[in-house]
Amino acid sequence: MYNDRSKFNNYFIEMYNYNFDVVKVGIIMATGTHTVEIPVDVQAVWDYVSDLEKWATTVPAYKEHEIINDKQSIWTFEGNVKGIKKTIKAQVDITEWNEPSNIMFELKGLTDNFKGSGHFTATDLNGKTEMTCTVEVHAGGLSGAMLTPIIKWAVPKVASRLTESIARKIAVFS
C-alpha cells in the first residue's frame, strides 16, 4: 500500500510505501511502427509528407494545429477511450529534414506529462516507395501510470492509421 508521498525524476517515479522503502516504477513507453509500399516515386511521397497542411487532419484524434514556425507546431488531439473524453496538446519540433527520405521529430506534452519522438522515412524501390512511420511515446508521473493501457493501445494504432491514410492520399493525388 502506498501513501501520497511521491517524488519524480527523469527516469522513474519513486513511490514510498508505509515502511518508507522506495519502490521504483519505470516510465511508460509505447512504440508504433508501420510500413507501406506506395506505387509512386519517392519525390511524390516527399512532396506530400513534407507539407504538413496536406496531411495534418489525417492524424487520429486530430482536432487542430497551429504552426509556430517551419520547425515547430502545437497540436491538439481529442478522443474518447472507454467513455472518458480527453483533450491533449503537444508541441512537435522537427529535428531533422533530409529531402527526399527522412523527417524526424520530437513530441512534448503541454497538457500532460509525456514526451516522445518519431520519424517518417521513404525508400526508393525502383519507381515505388516504401514509407515507414514510427512514433514513440514516454509517459511519466502518476498520470502516465494510469494512462498505460491507453498509451500502449493507442500509439501503435496511431502509427498504423496515419501511415495508411497518408499512403492512400498520396496514391490518389499523385
Protein backbone atom coordinates (compact mmCIF):
# COMPACT_ATOMS: atom_id res chain seq x y z
CA MET A 1 0.00 0.00 0.00
CA TYR A 2 1.35 3.43 -0.93
CA ASN A 3 0.85 6.75 0.79
CA ASP A 4 0.62 10.04 -1.09
CA ARG A 5 4.33 10.90 -0.89
CA SER A 6 5.77 10.68 -4.40
CA LYS A 7 8.93 12.04 -5.97
CA PHE A 8 9.55 12.29 -9.72
CA ASN A 9 12.73 12.33 -11.75
CA ASN A 10 13.54 11.90 -15.44
CA TYR A 11 13.63 8.13 -15.40
CA PHE A 12 11.46 6.78 -12.60
CA ILE A 13 8.59 7.54 -10.33
CA GLU A 14 9.70 6.92 -6.76
CA MET A 15 6.83 5.93 -4.52
CA TYR A 16 7.18 5.42 -0.80
CA ASN A 17 5.27 2.63 0.89
CA TYR A 18 4.22 2.81 4.53
CA ASN A 19 7.61 1.49 5.59
CA PHE A 20 9.19 4.35 3.61
CA ASP A 21 11.00 1.98 1.29
CA VAL A 22 11.50 3.39 -2.20
CA VAL A 23 9.70 1.48 -4.93
CA LYS A 24 10.70 2.43 -8.48
CA VAL A 25 8.14 2.29 -11.26
CA GLY A 26 9.61 2.80 -14.75
CA ILE A 27 8.35 5.43 -17.15
CA ILE A 28 5.74 4.04 -19.52
CA MET A 29 6.82 3.69 -23.14
CA ALA A 30 4.86 2.71 -26.19
CA THR A 31 6.11 2.41 -29.77
CA GLY A 32 4.28 2.05 -33.04
CA THR A 33 5.87 1.42 -36.44
CA HIS A 34 4.07 0.85 -39.70
CA THR A 35 5.43 0.44 -43.24
CA VAL A 36 3.57 0.65 -46.54
CA GLU A 37 4.54 0.41 -50.19
CA ILE A 38 3.16 3.23 -52.33
CA PRO A 39 3.04 2.95 -56.16
CA VAL A 40 4.66 6.39 -56.73
CA ASP A 41 8.23 7.63 -56.76
CA VAL A 42 9.98 8.82 -53.60
CA GLN A 43 9.81 12.50 -54.66
CA ALA A 44 5.99 12.38 -54.83
CA VAL A 45 5.94 10.95 -51.29
CA TRP A 46 8.30 13.66 -50.09
CA ASP A 47 6.25 16.42 -51.74
CA TYR A 48 3.22 15.26 -49.80
CA VAL A 49 4.75 14.36 -46.42
CA SER A 50 6.94 17.47 -46.21
CA ASP A 51 3.84 19.73 -46.26
CA LEU A 52 2.00 19.05 -43.02
CA GLU A 53 -1.00 21.10 -44.14
CA LYS A 54 -1.73 18.32 -46.65
CA TRP A 55 -1.96 15.52 -44.07
CA ALA A 56 -2.47 17.04 -40.61
CA THR A 57 -6.18 16.21 -40.49
CA THR A 58 -5.44 12.52 -41.13
CA VAL A 59 -3.74 12.10 -37.73
CA PRO A 60 -6.04 10.01 -35.50
CA ALA A 61 -7.84 12.11 -32.84
CA TYR A 62 -6.75 15.35 -34.60
CA LYS A 63 -8.66 18.43 -33.51
CA GLU A 64 -6.46 21.35 -34.64
CA HIS A 65 -2.90 22.57 -35.05
CA GLU A 66 -1.04 25.84 -35.06
CA ILE A 67 2.21 26.34 -36.95
CA ILE A 68 4.64 28.37 -34.86
CA ASN A 69 7.46 28.34 -37.43
CA ASP A 70 8.88 25.97 -40.06
CA LYS A 71 10.26 23.63 -37.36
CA GLN A 72 7.65 23.86 -34.62
CA SER A 73 3.91 23.41 -34.23
CA ILE A 74 1.32 22.89 -31.50
CA TRP A 75 -1.21 20.10 -31.99
CA THR A 76 -4.47 19.43 -30.17
CA PHE A 77 -5.93 15.93 -30.08
CA GLU A 78 -9.28 14.89 -28.68
CA GLY A 79 -10.68 11.45 -28.22
CA ASN A 80 -12.82 9.10 -26.19
CA VAL A 81 -11.49 5.91 -24.68
CA LYS A 82 -13.96 3.74 -22.81
CA GLY A 83 -16.25 6.70 -22.20
CA ILE A 84 -13.52 9.06 -20.98
CA LYS A 85 -13.12 12.20 -23.10
CA LYS A 86 -9.57 13.55 -23.17
CA THR A 87 -8.00 16.58 -24.87
CA ILE A 88 -4.23 16.61 -25.24
CA LYS A 89 -1.95 19.38 -26.50
CA ALA A 90 1.53 18.59 -27.75
CA GLN A 91 4.43 20.57 -29.14
CA VAL A 92 6.04 19.00 -32.20
CA ASP A 93 9.60 20.01 -33.09
CA ILE A 94 11.15 18.94 -36.39
CA THR A 95 14.71 17.87 -35.58
CA GLU A 96 15.85 16.60 -38.96
CA TRP A 97 14.69 17.30 -42.51
CA ASN A 98 16.53 15.31 -45.20
CA GLU A 99 14.89 15.53 -48.61
CA PRO A 100 13.58 13.21 -50.01
CA SER A 101 13.85 10.45 -47.46
CA ASN A 102 13.69 11.39 -43.78
CA ILE A 103 11.82 13.64 -41.34
CA MET A 104 12.50 13.26 -37.62
CA PHE A 105 10.54 14.96 -34.86
CA GLU A 106 10.20 15.21 -31.09
CA LEU A 107 6.98 15.47 -29.08
CA LYS A 108 6.42 17.21 -25.77
CA GLY A 109 3.15 17.15 -23.84
CA LEU A 110 1.84 20.58 -22.96
CA THR A 111 -1.21 19.39 -21.02
CA ASP A 112 0.07 16.00 -19.89
CA ASN A 113 3.40 14.61 -18.74
CA PHE A 114 4.77 12.88 -21.83
CA LYS A 115 7.49 13.20 -24.41
CA GLY A 116 8.35 11.24 -27.46
CA SER A 117 9.82 11.14 -30.91
CA GLY A 118 9.19 9.76 -34.32
CA HIS A 119 10.14 9.77 -37.94
CA PHE A 120 8.94 9.30 -41.48
CA THR A 121 11.28 7.54 -43.88
CA ALA A 122 10.85 7.00 -47.58
CA THR A 123 12.94 4.48 -49.52
CA ASP A 124 13.05 4.30 -53.31
CA LEU A 125 12.05 0.90 -54.72
CA ASN A 126 12.58 1.44 -58.47
CA GLY A 127 9.64 3.79 -59.06
CA LYS A 128 7.71 2.76 -55.96
CA THR A 129 8.32 3.95 -52.42
CA GLU A 130 8.44 2.19 -49.08
CA MET A 131 7.24 4.63 -46.41
CA THR A 132 7.65 3.98 -42.69
CA CYS A 133 6.21 5.96 -39.80
CA THR A 134 7.48 5.38 -36.28
CA VAL A 135 6.12 7.04 -33.14
CA GLU A 136 7.45 6.50 -29.62
CA VAL A 137 5.84 8.00 -26.50
CA HIS A 138 7.16 8.05 -22.93
CA ALA A 139 4.58 8.99 -20.29
CA GLY A 140 5.72 9.91 -16.83
CA GLY A 141 4.29 10.74 -13.47
CA LEU A 142 1.31 9.18 -11.80
CA SER A 143 -0.95 10.16 -14.70
CA GLY A 144 1.37 8.22 -17.02
CA ALA A 145 0.98 5.12 -14.91
CA MET A 146 -2.81 5.47 -15.03
CA LEU A 147 -2.77 6.00 -18.80
CA THR A 148 -0.61 2.94 -19.53
CA PRO A 149 -3.35 0.83 -21.12
CA ILE A 150 -4.47 3.71 -23.32
CA ILE A 151 -0.94 4.63 -24.42
CA LYS A 152 0.06 1.06 -25.21
CA TRP A 153 -3.17 0.59 -27.20
CA ALA A 154 -3.20 3.98 -28.97
CA VAL A 155 0.38 4.58 -30.14
CA PRO A 156 0.66 1.55 -32.48
CA LYS A 157 -2.81 2.33 -33.88
CA VAL A 158 -1.85 5.97 -34.48
CA ALA A 159 1.30 4.95 -36.41
CA SER A 160 -0.64 2.42 -38.49
CA ARG A 161 -3.66 4.60 -39.26
CA LEU A 162 -1.57 7.67 -40.03
CA THR A 163 0.73 5.77 -42.39
CA GLU A 164 -2.16 4.08 -44.20
CA SER A 165 -4.10 7.34 -44.51
CA ILE A 166 -1.13 9.26 -45.90
CA ALA A 167 -0.39 6.42 -48.35
CA ARG A 168 -3.99 6.49 -49.64
CA LYS A 169 -3.93 10.25 -50.11
CA ILE A 170 -0.58 10.15 -51.92
CA ALA A 171 -1.85 7.41 -54.25
CA VAL A 172 -4.98 9.45 -55.05
CA PHE A 173 -3.31 12.83 -55.54
CA SER A 174 -0.16 11.69 -57.38
